[in-house]
């Protein structure tokens, strides 16, 4: 079960990389005002959401529910839901507003900081 948890954790990290990498990939398009939500951003956000829920669920399934910081998990979930909603609203647009991708990037970094700094 521990191996499965580590595989899911690796997939969670890959989701973060896909999300943030998608935003960075669009940085030149942001300067030209042609930036858009690419599939990598959507896939990364959904991967983070599904694997994050799986990771928390596995902690409870393994009897380690007392180790879960529910306030932290809730805050991270709220931030990720905001990312997903912003991406979903803007995914069909030819060019997104100038605030969309920087906001997604900032919220992703906030999520990473909450994961690593908040104990």
PDB file of N, CA and C in Angstrom:
ATOM      1  N   UNK A   1       0.823  -1.194   0.000  1.00  0.00           N
ATOM      2  CA  UNK A   1       0.000   0.000   0.000  1.00  0.00           C
ATOM      3  C   UNK A   1       0.870   1.261   0.000  1.00  0.00           C
ATOM      4  N   UNK A   2       2.010   1.168   0.658  1.00  0.00           N
ATOM      5  CA  UNK A   2       2.925   2.324   0.719  1.00  0.00           C
ATOM      6  C   UNK A   2       3.466   2.656  -0.668  1.00  0.00           C
ATOM      7  N   UNK A   3       3.732   1.623  -1.473  1.00  0.00           N
ATOM      8  CA  UNK A   3       4.219   1.848  -2.838  1.00  0.00           C
ATOM      9  C   UNK A   3       3.157   2.572  -3.651  1.00  0.00           C
ATOM     10  N   UNK A   4       1.906   2.159  -3.521  1.00  0.00           N
ATOM     11  CA  UNK A   4       0.808   2.812  -4.235  1.00  0.00           C
ATOM     12  C   UNK A   4       0.693   4.280  -3.826  1.00  0.00           C
ATOM     13  N   UNK A   5       0.835   4.533  -2.523  1.00  0.00           N
ATOM     14  CA  UNK A   5       0.777   5.915  -2.034  1.00  0.00           C
ATOM     15  C   UNK A   5       1.895   6.755  -2.653  1.00  0.00           C
ATOM     16  N   UNK A   6       3.084   6.186  -2.755  1.00  0.00           N
ATOM     17  CA  UNK A   6       4.208   6.920  -3.352  1.00  0.00           C
ATOM     18  C   UNK A   6       4.009   7.150  -4.848  1.00  0.00           C
ATOM     19  N   UNK A   7       3.402   6.196  -5.535  1.00  0.00           N
ATOM     20  CA  UNK A   7       3.100   6.370  -6.966  1.00  0.00           C
ATOM     21  C   UNK A   7       2.082   7.490  -7.139  1.00  0.00           C
ATOM     22  N   UNK A   8       1.063   7.512  -6.297  1.00  0.00           N
ATOM     23  CA  UNK A   8       0.060   8.575  -6.370  1.00  0.00           C
ATOM     24  C   UNK A   8       0.684   9.921  -6.034  1.00  0.00           C
ATOM     25  N   UNK A   9       1.581   9.952  -5.066  1.00  0.00           N
ATOM     26  CA  UNK A   9       2.291  11.193  -4.734  1.00  0.00           C
ATOM     27  C   UNK A   9       3.117  11.671  -5.925  1.00  0.00           C
ATOM     28  N   UNK A  10       3.790  10.758  -6.613  1.00  0.00           N
ATOM     29  CA  UNK A  10       4.564  11.127  -7.801  1.00  0.00           C
ATOM     30  C   UNK A  10       3.643  11.699  -8.879  1.00  0.00           C
ATOM     31  N   UNK A  11       2.483  11.089  -9.066  1.00  0.00           N
ATOM     32  CA  UNK A  11       1.516  11.610 -10.050  1.00  0.00           C
ATOM     33  C   UNK A  11       1.014  12.992  -9.638  1.00  0.00           C
ATOM     34  N   UNK A  12       0.855  13.205  -8.334  1.00  0.00           N
ATOM     35  CA  UNK A  12       0.430  14.514  -7.831  1.00  0.00           C
ATOM     36  C   UNK A  12       1.475  15.580  -8.184  1.00  0.00           C
ATOM     37  N   UNK A  13       2.731  15.240  -7.991  1.00  0.00           N
ATOM     38  CA  UNK A  13       3.813  16.171  -8.317  1.00  0.00           C
ATOM     39  C   UNK A  13       3.875  16.412  -9.820  1.00  0.00           C
ATOM     40  N   UNK A  14       3.658  15.384 -10.613  1.00  0.00           N
ATOM     41  CA  UNK A  14       3.613  15.544 -12.073  1.00  0.00           C
ATOM     42  C   UNK A  14       2.477  16.482 -12.468  1.00  0.00           C
ATOM     43  N   UNK A  15       1.354  16.402 -11.759  1.00  0.00           N
ATOM     44  CA  UNK A  15       0.248  17.330 -12.011  1.00  0.00           C
ATOM     45  C   UNK A  15       0.637  18.772 -11.743  1.00  0.00           C
ATOM     46  N   UNK A  16       1.365  18.994 -10.654  1.00  0.00           N
ATOM     47  CA  UNK A  16       1.849  20.348 -10.334  1.00  0.00           C
ATOM     48  C   UNK A  16       2.767  20.852 -11.446  1.00  0.00           C
ATOM     49  N   UNK A  17       3.666  19.987 -11.892  1.00  0.00           N
ATOM     50  CA  UNK A  17       4.608  20.367 -12.946  1.00  0.00           C
ATOM     51  C   UNK A  17       3.868  20.680 -14.240  1.00  0.00           C
ATOM     52  N   UNK A  18       2.871  19.874 -14.580  1.00  0.00           N
ATOM     53  CA  UNK A  18       2.105  20.110 -15.805  1.00  0.00           C
ATOM     54  C   UNK A  18       1.358  21.442 -15.733  1.00  0.00           C
ATOM     55  N   UNK A  19       0.765  21.715 -14.595  1.00  0.00           N
ATOM     56  CA  UNK A  19       0.018  22.967 -14.419  1.00  0.00           C
ATOM     57  C   UNK A  19       0.937  24.171 -14.503  1.00  0.00           C
ATOM     58  N   UNK A  20       1.975  24.175 -13.709  1.00  0.00           N
ATOM     59  CA  UNK A  20       2.894  25.316 -13.700  1.00  0.00           C
ATOM     60  C   UNK A  20       3.675  25.391 -15.010  1.00  0.00           C
ATOM     61  N   UNK A  21       4.070  24.250 -15.551  1.00  0.00           N
ATOM     62  CA  UNK A  21       4.783  24.235 -16.826  1.00  0.00           C
ATOM     63  C   UNK A  21       3.931  24.764 -17.965  1.00  0.00           C
ATOM     64  N   UNK A  22       2.633  24.463 -17.935  1.00  0.00           N
ATOM     65  CA  UNK A  22       1.726  24.988 -18.959  1.00  0.00           C
ATOM     66  C   UNK A  22       1.637  26.498 -18.922  1.00  0.00           C
ATOM     67  N   UNK A  23       1.619  27.045 -17.719  1.00  0.00           N
ATOM     68  CA  UNK A  23       1.579  28.509 -17.580  1.00  0.00           C
ATOM     69  C   UNK A  23       2.887  29.119 -18.078  1.00  0.00           C
ATOM     70  N   UNK A  24       4.008  28.534 -17.690  1.00  0.00           N
ATOM     71  CA  UNK A  24       5.311  29.045 -18.132  1.00  0.00           C
ATOM     72  C   UNK A  24       5.425  28.950 -19.659  1.00  0.00           C
ATOM     73  N   UNK A  25       4.927  27.855 -20.227  1.00  0.00           N
ATOM     74  CA  UNK A  25       4.952  27.667 -21.681  1.00  0.00           C
ATOM     75  C   UNK A  25       4.192  28.791 -22.395  1.00  0.00           C
ATOM     76  N   UNK A  26       3.169  29.308 -21.773  1.00  0.00           N
ATOM     77  CA  UNK A  26       2.370  30.374 -22.374  1.00  0.00           C
ATOM     78  C   UNK A  26       2.927  31.776 -22.105  1.00  0.00           C
ATOM     79  N   UNK A  27       4.071  31.883 -21.444  1.00  0.00           N
ATOM     80  CA  UNK A  27       4.599  33.201 -21.062  1.00  0.00           C
ATOM     81  C   UNK A  27       4.888  34.082 -22.270  1.00  0.00           C
ATOM     82  N   UNK A  28       5.416  33.532 -23.346  1.00  0.00           N
ATOM     83  CA  UNK A  28       5.658  34.369 -24.528  1.00  0.00           C
ATOM     84  C   UNK A  28       4.343  34.793 -25.163  1.00  0.00           C
ATOM     85  N   UNK A  29       3.350  33.925 -25.123  1.00  0.00           N
ATOM     86  CA  UNK A  29       2.034  34.283 -25.660  1.00  0.00           C
ATOM     87  C   UNK A  29       1.368  35.347 -24.789  1.00  0.00           C
ATOM     88  N   UNK A  30       1.684  35.374 -23.498  1.00  0.00           N
ATOM     89  CA  UNK A  30       1.127  36.412 -22.625  1.00  0.00           C
ATOM     90  C   UNK A  30       1.602  37.784 -23.058  1.00  0.00           C
ATOM     91  N   UNK A  31       2.872  37.865 -23.445  1.00  0.00           N
ATOM     92  CA  UNK A  31       3.408  39.151 -23.899  1.00  0.00           C
ATOM     93  C   UNK A  31       2.736  39.611 -25.190  1.00  0.00           C
ATOM     94  N   UNK A  32       2.353  38.658 -26.020  1.00  0.00           N
ATOM     95  CA  UNK A  32       1.700  38.974 -27.297  1.00  0.00           C
ATOM     96  C   UNK A  32       0.186  39.059 -27.167  1.00  0.00           C
ATOM     97  N   UNK A  33      -0.332  38.879 -25.964  1.00  0.00           N
ATOM     98  CA  UNK A  33      -1.773  38.923 -25.668  1.00  0.00           C
ATOM     99  C   UNK A  33      -2.545  37.823 -26.405  1.00  0.00           C
ATOM    100  N   UNK A  34      -1.910  36.673 -26.642  1.00  0.00           N
ATOM    101  CA  UNK A  34      -2.574  35.544 -27.301  1.00  0.00           C
ATOM    102  C   UNK A  34      -2.562  34.300 -26.418  1.00  0.00           C
ATOM    103  N   UNK A  35      -2.289  34.471 -25.145  1.00  0.00           N
ATOM    104  CA  UNK A  35      -2.207  33.333 -24.229  1.00  0.00           C
ATOM    105  C   UNK A  35      -3.576  32.674 -24.086  1.00  0.00           C
ATOM    106  N   UNK A  36      -3.539  31.363 -23.866  1.00  0.00           N
ATOM    107  CA  UNK A  36      -4.778  30.615 -23.671  1.00  0.00           C
ATOM    108  C   UNK A  36      -4.540  29.481 -22.679  1.00  0.00           C
ATOM    109  N   UNK A  37      -5.602  28.854 -22.284  1.00  0.00           N
ATOM    110  CA  UNK A  37      -5.511  27.707 -21.389  1.00  0.00           C
ATOM    111  C   UNK A  37      -5.247  26.484 -22.268  1.00  0.00           C
ATOM    112  N   UNK A  38      -4.045  25.931 -22.156  1.00  0.00           N
ATOM    113  CA  UNK A  38      -3.692  24.771 -22.975  1.00  0.00           C
ATOM    114  C   UNK A  38      -4.073  23.490 -22.227  1.00  0.00           C
ATOM    115  N   UNK A  39      -4.190  22.372 -22.937  1.00  0.00           N
ATOM    116  CA  UNK A  39      -4.594  21.127 -22.285  1.00  0.00           C
ATOM    117  C   UNK A  39      -3.698  20.726 -21.107  1.00  0.00           C
ATOM    118  N   UNK A  40      -2.411  21.023 -21.162  1.00  0.00           N
ATOM    119  CA  UNK A  40      -1.519  20.676 -20.054  1.00  0.00           C
ATOM    120  C   UNK A  40      -1.932  21.329 -18.749  1.00  0.00           C
ATOM    121  N   UNK A  41      -2.443  22.535 -18.824  1.00  0.00           N
ATOM    122  CA  UNK A  41      -2.909  23.234 -17.623  1.00  0.00           C
ATOM    123  C   UNK A  41      -4.124  22.517 -17.049  1.00  0.00           C
ATOM    124  N   UNK A  42      -5.067  22.170 -17.924  1.00  0.00           N
ATOM    125  CA  UNK A  42      -6.270  21.473 -17.465  1.00  0.00           C
ATOM    126  C   UNK A  42      -5.924  20.087 -16.914  1.00  0.00           C
ATOM    127  N   UNK A  43      -5.091  19.344 -17.648  1.00  0.00           N
ATOM    128  CA  UNK A  43      -4.718  18.002 -17.197  1.00  0.00           C
ATOM    129  C   UNK A  43      -3.974  18.057 -15.864  1.00  0.00           C
ATOM    130  N   UNK A  44      -3.086  19.033 -15.723  1.00  0.00           N
ATOM    131  CA  UNK A  44      -2.350  19.179 -14.472  1.00  0.00           C
ATOM    132  C   UNK A  44      -3.268  19.483 -13.303  1.00  0.00           C
ATOM    133  N   UNK A  45      -4.228  20.384 -13.509  1.00  0.00           N
ATOM    134  CA  UNK A  45      -5.155  20.745 -12.433  1.00  0.00           C
ATOM    135  C   UNK A  45      -6.020  19.550 -12.024  1.00  0.00           C
ATOM    136  N   UNK A  46      -6.556  18.842 -13.006  1.00  0.00           N
ATOM    137  CA  UNK A  46      -7.383  17.676 -12.696  1.00  0.00           C
ATOM    138  C   UNK A  46      -6.561  16.568 -12.037  1.00  0.00           C
ATOM    139  N   UNK A  47      -5.335  16.382 -12.508  1.00  0.00           N
ATOM    140  CA  UNK A  47      -4.464  15.362 -11.909  1.00  0.00           C
ATOM    141  C   UNK A  47      -4.182  15.700 -10.454  1.00  0.00           C
ATOM    142  N   UNK A  48      -3.891  16.975 -10.183  1.00  0.00           N
ATOM    143  CA  UNK A  48      -3.661  17.391  -8.800  1.00  0.00           C
ATOM    144  C   UNK A  48      -4.889  17.122  -7.933  1.00  0.00           C
ATOM    145  N   UNK A  49      -6.060  17.439  -8.454  1.00  0.00           N
ATOM    146  CA  UNK A  49      -7.292  17.274  -7.683  1.00  0.00           C
ATOM    147  C   UNK A  49      -7.555  15.801  -7.370  1.00  0.00           C
ATOM    148  N   UNK A  50      -7.507  14.960  -8.391  1.00  0.00           N
ATOM    149  CA  UNK A  50      -7.811  13.539  -8.199  1.00  0.00           C
ATOM    150  C   UNK A  50      -6.771  12.867  -7.300  1.00  0.00           C
ATOM    151  N   UNK A  51      -5.496  13.123  -7.559  1.00  0.00           N
ATOM    152  CA  UNK A  51      -4.461  12.469  -6.754  1.00  0.00           C
ATOM    153  C   UNK A  51      -4.416  13.023  -5.336  1.00  0.00           C
ATOM    154  N   UNK A  52      -4.720  14.297  -5.171  1.00  0.00           N
ATOM    155  CA  UNK A  52      -4.769  14.872  -3.819  1.00  0.00           C
ATOM    156  C   UNK A  52      -5.862  14.234  -2.979  1.00  0.00           C
ATOM    157  N   UNK A  53      -7.029  14.058  -3.584  1.00  0.00           N
ATOM    158  CA  UNK A  53      -8.125  13.392  -2.876  1.00  0.00           C
ATOM    159  C   UNK A  53      -7.736  11.947  -2.562  1.00  0.00           C
ATOM    160  N   UNK A  54      -7.089  11.284  -3.518  1.00  0.00           N
ATOM    161  CA  UNK A  54      -6.663   9.897  -3.304  1.00  0.00           C
ATOM    162  C   UNK A  54      -5.637   9.803  -2.170  1.00  0.00           C
ATOM    163  N   UNK A  55      -4.706  10.747  -2.121  1.00  0.00           N
ATOM    164  CA  UNK A  55      -3.695  10.731  -1.063  1.00  0.00           C
ATOM    165  C   UNK A  55      -4.316  10.879   0.327  1.00  0.00           C
ATOM    166  N   UNK A  56      -5.253  11.798   0.449  1.00  0.00           N
ATOM    167  CA  UNK A  56      -5.913  11.988   1.745  1.00  0.00           C
ATOM    168  C   UNK A  56      -6.743  10.754   2.092  1.00  0.00           C
ATOM    169  N   UNK A  57      -7.464  10.231   1.107  1.00  0.00           N
ATOM    170  CA  UNK A  57      -8.261   9.026   1.336  1.00  0.00           C
ATOM    171  C   UNK A  57      -7.410   7.844   1.760  1.00  0.00           C
ATOM    172  N   UNK A  58      -6.232   7.727   1.174  1.00  0.00           N
ATOM    173  CA  UNK A  58      -5.341   6.627   1.540  1.00  0.00           C
ATOM    174  C   UNK A  58      -4.835   6.766   2.973  1.00  0.00           C
ATOM    175  N   UNK A  59      -4.603   7.989   3.409  1.00  0.00           N
ATOM    176  CA  UNK A  59      -4.167   8.184   4.800  1.00  0.00           C
ATOM    177  C   UNK A  59      -5.225   7.642   5.756  1.00  0.00           C
ATOM    178  N   UNK A  60      -6.494   7.950   5.459  1.00  0.00           N
ATOM    179  CA  UNK A  60      -7.570   7.445   6.312  1.00  0.00           C
ATOM    180  C   UNK A  60      -7.698   5.936   6.186  1.00  0.00           C
ATOM    181  N   UNK A  61      -7.555   5.396   4.971  1.00  0.00           N
ATOM    182  CA  UNK A  61      -7.665   3.955   4.755  1.00  0.00           C
ATOM    183  C   UNK A  61      -6.549   3.191   5.452  1.00  0.00           C
ATOM    184  N   UNK A  62      -5.381   3.814   5.558  1.00  0.00           N
ATOM    185  CA  UNK A  62      -4.255   3.169   6.226  1.00  0.00           C
ATOM    186  C   UNK A  62      -4.293   3.345   7.739  1.00  0.00           C
ATOM    187  N   UNK A  63      -5.343   3.991   8.237  1.00  0.00           N
ATOM    188  CA  UNK A  63      -5.461   4.195   9.681  1.00  0.00           C
ATOM    189  C   UNK A  63      -4.633   5.344  10.196  1.00  0.00           C
ATOM    190  N   UNK A  64      -4.218   6.215   9.302  1.00  0.00           N
ATOM    191  CA  UNK A  64      -3.399   7.372   9.696  1.00  0.00           C
ATOM    192  C   UNK A  64      -4.186   8.671   9.606  1.00  0.00           C
ATOM    193  N   UNK A  65      -5.484   8.584   9.806  1.00  0.00           N
ATOM    194  CA  UNK A  65      -6.336   9.759   9.710  1.00  0.00           C
ATOM    195  C   UNK A  65      -5.991  10.844  10.712  1.00  0.00           C
ATOM    196  N   UNK A  66      -5.406  10.443  11.825  1.00  0.00           N
ATOM    197  CA  UNK A  66      -5.011  11.429  12.840  1.00  0.00           C
ATOM    198  C   UNK A  66      -3.846  12.291  12.362  1.00  0.00           C
ATOM    199  N   UNK A  67      -3.076  11.783  11.386  1.00  0.00           N
ATOM    200  CA  UNK A  67      -1.938  12.528  10.843  1.00  0.00           C
ATOM    201  C   UNK A  67      -2.351  13.600   9.836  1.00  0.00           C
ATOM    202  N   UNK A  68      -3.602  13.564   9.399  1.00  0.00           N
ATOM    203  CA  UNK A  68      -4.073  14.488   8.371  1.00  0.00           C
ATOM    204  C   UNK A  68      -4.450  15.817   9.007  1.00  0.00           C
ATOM    205  N   UNK A  69      -3.889  16.901   8.483  1.00  0.00           N
ATOM    206  CA  UNK A  69      -4.232  18.246   8.930  1.00  0.00           C
ATOM    207  C   UNK A  69      -5.396  18.715   8.059  1.00  0.00           C
ATOM    208  N   UNK A  70      -6.612  18.556   8.563  1.00  0.00           N
ATOM    209  CA  UNK A  70      -7.796  18.843   7.762  1.00  0.00           C
ATOM    210  C   UNK A  70      -7.915  20.309   7.370  1.00  0.00           C
ATOM    211  N   UNK A  71      -7.444  21.224   8.211  1.00  0.00           N
ATOM    212  CA  UNK A  71      -7.481  22.646   7.859  1.00  0.00           C
ATOM    213  C   UNK A  71      -6.582  22.913   6.656  1.00  0.00           C
ATOM    214  N   UNK A  72      -5.397  22.340   6.670  1.00  0.00           N
ATOM    215  CA  UNK A  72      -4.450  22.504   5.556  1.00  0.00           C
ATOM    216  C   UNK A  72      -5.020  21.897   4.279  1.00  0.00           C
ATOM    217  N   UNK A  73      -5.554  20.686   4.366  1.00  0.00           N
ATOM    218  CA  UNK A  73      -6.104  20.006   3.202  1.00  0.00           C
ATOM    219  C   UNK A  73      -7.283  20.797   2.643  1.00  0.00           C
ATOM    220  N   UNK A  74      -8.119  21.337   3.516  1.00  0.00           N
ATOM    221  CA  UNK A  74      -9.260  22.137   3.065  1.00  0.00           C
ATOM    222  C   UNK A  74      -8.788  23.401   2.354  1.00  0.00           C
ATOM    223  N   UNK A  75      -7.801  24.082   2.919  1.00  0.00           N
ATOM    224  CA  UNK A  75      -7.282  25.301   2.291  1.00  0.00           C
ATOM    225  C   UNK A  75      -6.679  24.990   0.924  1.00  0.00           C
ATOM    226  N   UNK A  76      -5.904  23.895   0.838  1.00  0.00           N
ATOM    227  CA  UNK A  76      -5.307  23.504  -0.439  1.00  0.00           C
ATOM    228  C   UNK A  76      -6.387  23.137  -1.451  1.00  0.00           C
ATOM    229  N   UNK A  77      -7.434  22.458  -0.994  1.00  0.00           N
ATOM    230  CA  UNK A  77      -8.533  22.081  -1.881  1.00  0.00           C
ATOM    231  C   UNK A  77      -9.257  23.315  -2.409  1.00  0.00           C
ATOM    232  N   UNK A  78      -9.502  24.281  -1.552  1.00  0.00           N
ATOM    233  CA  UNK A  78     -10.180  25.514  -1.982  1.00  0.00           C
ATOM    234  C   UNK A  78      -9.347  26.240  -3.047  1.00  0.00           C
ATOM    235  N   UNK A  79      -8.047  26.353  -2.811  1.00  0.00           N
ATOM    236  CA  UNK A  79      -7.163  27.011  -3.786  1.00  0.00           C
ATOM    237  C   UNK A  79      -7.194  26.252  -5.111  1.00  0.00           C
ATOM    238  N   UNK A  80      -7.134  24.937  -5.057  1.00  0.00           N
ATOM    239  CA  UNK A  80      -7.141  24.142  -6.280  1.00  0.00           C
ATOM    240  C   UNK A  80      -8.474  24.241  -7.002  1.00  0.00           C
ATOM    241  N   UNK A  81      -9.573  24.286  -6.274  1.00  0.00           N
ATOM    242  CA  UNK A  81     -10.881  24.445  -6.915  1.00  0.00           C
ATOM    243  C   UNK A  81     -10.961  25.797  -7.611  1.00  0.00           C
ATOM    244  N   UNK A  82     -10.404  26.842  -7.002  1.00  0.00           N
ATOM    245  CA  UNK A  82     -10.372  28.162  -7.663  1.00  0.00           C
ATOM    246  C   UNK A  82      -9.564  28.078  -8.955  1.00  0.00           C
ATOM    247  N   UNK A  83      -8.437  27.380  -8.933  1.00  0.00           N
ATOM    248  CA  UNK A  83      -7.623  27.201 -10.144  1.00  0.00           C
ATOM    249  C   UNK A  83      -8.436  26.487 -11.219  1.00  0.00           C
ATOM    250  N   UNK A  84      -9.094  25.397 -10.851  1.00  0.00           N
ATOM    251  CA  UNK A  84      -9.878  24.619 -11.818  1.00  0.00           C
ATOM    252  C   UNK A  84     -11.009  25.463 -12.393  1.00  0.00           C
ATOM    253  N   UNK A  85     -11.701  26.216 -11.557  1.00  0.00           N
ATOM    254  CA  UNK A  85     -12.817  27.044 -12.032  1.00  0.00           C
ATOM    255  C   UNK A  85     -12.318  28.122 -12.990  1.00  0.00           C
ATOM    256  N   UNK A  86     -11.238  28.814 -12.641  1.00  0.00           N
ATOM    257  CA  UNK A  86     -10.680  29.833 -13.539  1.00  0.00           C
ATOM    258  C   UNK A  86     -10.295  29.200 -14.871  1.00  0.00           C
ATOM    259  N   UNK A  87      -9.651  28.042 -14.819  1.00  0.00           N
ATOM    260  CA  UNK A  87      -9.229  27.372 -16.051  1.00  0.00           C
ATOM    261  C   UNK A  87     -10.436  26.921 -16.866  1.00  0.00           C
ATOM    262  N   UNK A  88     -11.447  26.365 -16.223  1.00  0.00           N
ATOM    263  CA  UNK A  88     -12.634  25.903 -16.941  1.00  0.00           C
ATOM    264  C   UNK A  88     -13.378  27.056 -17.608  1.00  0.00           C
ATOM    265  N   UNK A  89     -13.510  28.156 -16.909  1.00  0.00           N
ATOM    266  CA  UNK A  89     -14.216  29.309 -17.468  1.00  0.00           C
ATOM    267  C   UNK A  89     -13.489  29.850 -18.701  1.00  0.00           C
ATOM    268  N   UNK A  90     -12.168  29.785 -18.701  1.00  0.00           N
ATOM    269  CA  UNK A  90     -11.373  30.407 -19.764  1.00  0.00           C
ATOM    270  C   UNK A  90     -10.827  29.432 -20.806  1.00  0.00           C
ATOM    271  N   UNK A  91     -11.100  28.138 -20.687  1.00  0.00           N
ATOM    272  CA  UNK A  91     -10.450  27.164 -21.567  1.00  0.00           C
ATOM    273  C   UNK A  91     -10.857  27.255 -23.019  1.00  0.00           C
ATOM    274  N   UNK A  92     -12.034  27.748 -23.331  1.00  0.00           N
ATOM    275  CA  UNK A  92     -12.501  27.811 -24.723  1.00  0.00           C
ATOM    276  C   UNK A  92     -12.159  29.140 -25.403  1.00  0.00           C
ATOM    277  N   UNK A  93     -11.621  30.087 -24.654  1.00  0.00           N
ATOM    278  CA  UNK A  93     -11.336  31.402 -25.218  1.00  0.00           C
ATOM    279  C   UNK A  93     -10.083  31.350 -26.082  1.00  0.00           C
ATOM    280  N   UNK A  94     -10.113  32.089 -27.166  1.00  0.00           N
ATOM    281  CA  UNK A  94      -8.949  32.172 -28.063  1.00  0.00           C
ATOM    282  C   UNK A  94      -7.766  32.834 -27.361  1.00  0.00           C
ATOM    283  N   UNK A  95      -8.058  33.861 -26.584  1.00  0.00           N
ATOM    284  CA  UNK A  95      -7.026  34.557 -25.809  1.00  0.00           C
ATOM    285  C   UNK A  95      -7.643  34.948 -24.467  1.00  0.00           C
ATOM    286  N   UNK A  96      -6.975  34.601 -23.389  1.00  0.00           N
ATOM    287  CA  UNK A  96      -7.501  34.907 -22.059  1.00  0.00           C
ATOM    288  C   UNK A  96      -7.090  36.309 -21.630  1.00  0.00           C
ATOM    289  N   UNK A  97      -7.800  36.826 -20.649  1.00  0.00           N
ATOM    290  CA  UNK A  97      -7.454  38.135 -20.090  1.00  0.00           C
ATOM    291  C   UNK A  97      -6.059  38.063 -19.461  1.00  0.00           C
ATOM    292  N   UNK A  98      -5.430  39.201 -19.359  1.00  0.00           N
ATOM    293  CA  UNK A  98      -4.056  39.262 -18.869  1.00  0.00           C
ATOM    294  C   UNK A  98      -3.849  38.765 -17.452  1.00  0.00           C
ATOM    295  N   UNK A  99      -4.895  38.722 -16.640  1.00  0.00           N
ATOM    296  CA  UNK A  99      -4.763  38.303 -15.244  1.00  0.00           C
ATOM    297  C   UNK A  99      -4.886  36.795 -15.049  1.00  0.00           C
ATOM    298  N   UNK A 100      -5.425  36.081 -16.024  1.00  0.00           N
ATOM    299  CA  UNK A 100      -5.799  34.676 -15.827  1.00  0.00           C
ATOM    300  C   UNK A 100      -4.590  33.784 -15.547  1.00  0.00           C
ATOM    301  N   UNK A 101      -3.624  33.750 -16.437  1.00  0.00           N
ATOM    302  CA  UNK A 101      -2.480  32.851 -16.260  1.00  0.00           C
ATOM    303  C   UNK A 101      -1.583  33.249 -15.085  1.00  0.00           C
ATOM    304  N   UNK A 102      -1.314  34.537 -14.874  1.00  0.00           N
ATOM    305  CA  UNK A 102      -0.541  34.881 -13.670  1.00  0.00           C
ATOM    306  C   UNK A 102      -1.263  34.491 -12.374  1.00  0.00           C
ATOM    307  N   UNK A 103      -2.583  34.594 -12.361  1.00  0.00           N
ATOM    308  CA  UNK A 103      -3.344  34.194 -11.177  1.00  0.00           C
ATOM    309  C   UNK A 103      -3.253  32.695 -10.953  1.00  0.00           C
ATOM    310  N   UNK A 104      -3.378  31.919 -12.033  1.00  0.00           N
ATOM    311  CA  UNK A 104      -3.239  30.468 -11.921  1.00  0.00           C
ATOM    312  C   UNK A 104      -1.848  30.113 -11.411  1.00  0.00           C
ATOM    313  N   UNK A 105      -0.828  30.775 -11.936  1.00  0.00           N
ATOM    314  CA  UNK A 105       0.549  30.509 -11.496  1.00  0.00           C
ATOM    315  C   UNK A 105       0.716  30.867 -10.024  1.00  0.00           C
ATOM    316  N   UNK A 106       0.223  32.023  -9.613  1.00  0.00           N
ATOM    317  CA  UNK A 106       0.337  32.452  -8.222  1.00  0.00           C
ATOM    318  C   UNK A 106      -0.381  31.486  -7.286  1.00  0.00           C
ATOM    319  N   UNK A 107      -1.591  31.082  -7.646  1.00  0.00           N
ATOM    320  CA  UNK A 107      -2.337  30.151  -6.805  1.00  0.00           C
ATOM    321  C   UNK A 107      -1.655  28.787  -6.732  1.00  0.00           C
ATOM    322  N   UNK A 108      -1.021  28.371  -7.822  1.00  0.00           N
ATOM    323  CA  UNK A 108      -0.282  27.107  -7.805  1.00  0.00           C
ATOM    324  C   UNK A 108       0.908  27.198  -6.865  1.00  0.00           C
ATOM    325  N   UNK A 109       1.621  28.314  -6.907  1.00  0.00           N
ATOM    326  CA  UNK A 109       2.760  28.501  -6.003  1.00  0.00           C
ATOM    327  C   UNK A 109       2.276  28.574  -4.553  1.00  0.00           C
ATOM    328  N   UNK A 110       1.159  29.227  -4.324  1.00  0.00           N
ATOM    329  CA  UNK A 110       0.585  29.272  -2.972  1.00  0.00           C
ATOM    330  C   UNK A 110       0.269  27.856  -2.493  1.00  0.00           C
ATOM    331  N   UNK A 111      -0.298  27.039  -3.385  1.00  0.00           N
ATOM    332  CA  UNK A 111      -0.612  25.658  -3.039  1.00  0.00           C
ATOM    333  C   UNK A 111       0.649  24.861  -2.704  1.00  0.00           C
ATOM    334  N   UNK A 112       1.702  25.074  -3.475  1.00  0.00           N
ATOM    335  CA  UNK A 112       2.982  24.404  -3.202  1.00  0.00           C
ATOM    336  C   UNK A 112       3.534  24.845  -1.847  1.00  0.00           C
ATOM    337  N   UNK A 113       3.479  26.139  -1.577  1.00  0.00           N
ATOM    338  CA  UNK A 113       3.969  26.658  -0.290  1.00  0.00           C
ATOM    339  C   UNK A 113       3.163  26.114   0.885  1.00  0.00           C
ATOM    340  N   UNK A 114       1.845  26.029   0.716  1.00  0.00           N
ATOM    341  CA  UNK A 114       1.036  25.458   1.788  1.00  0.00           C
ATOM    342  C   UNK A 114       1.411  23.994   2.033  1.00  0.00           C
ATOM    343  N   UNK A 115       1.694  23.273   0.955  1.00  0.00           N
ATOM    344  CA  UNK A 115       2.054  21.854   1.083  1.00  0.00           C
ATOM    345  C   UNK A 115       3.378  21.676   1.801  1.00  0.00           C
ATOM    346  N   UNK A 116       4.315  22.575   1.560  1.00  0.00           N
ATOM    347  CA  UNK A 116       5.661  22.383   2.084  1.00  0.00           C
ATOM    348  C   UNK A 116       5.938  23.119   3.388  1.00  0.00           C
ATOM    349  N   UNK A 117       5.372  24.291   3.578  1.00  0.00           N
ATOM    350  CA  UNK A 117       5.693  25.114   4.745  1.00  0.00           C
ATOM    351  C   UNK A 117       4.728  24.855   5.906  1.00  0.00           C
ATOM    352  N   UNK A 118       3.455  24.681   5.595  1.00  0.00           N
ATOM    353  CA  UNK A 118       2.432  24.494   6.630  1.00  0.00           C
ATOM    354  C   UNK A 118       2.545  23.087   7.198  1.00  0.00           C
ATOM    355  N   UNK A 119       2.798  22.971   8.483  1.00  0.00           N
ATOM    356  CA  UNK A 119       2.937  21.652   9.136  1.00  0.00           C
ATOM    357  C   UNK A 119       1.804  21.377  10.052  1.00  0.00           C
TER     358      UNK A 119
END
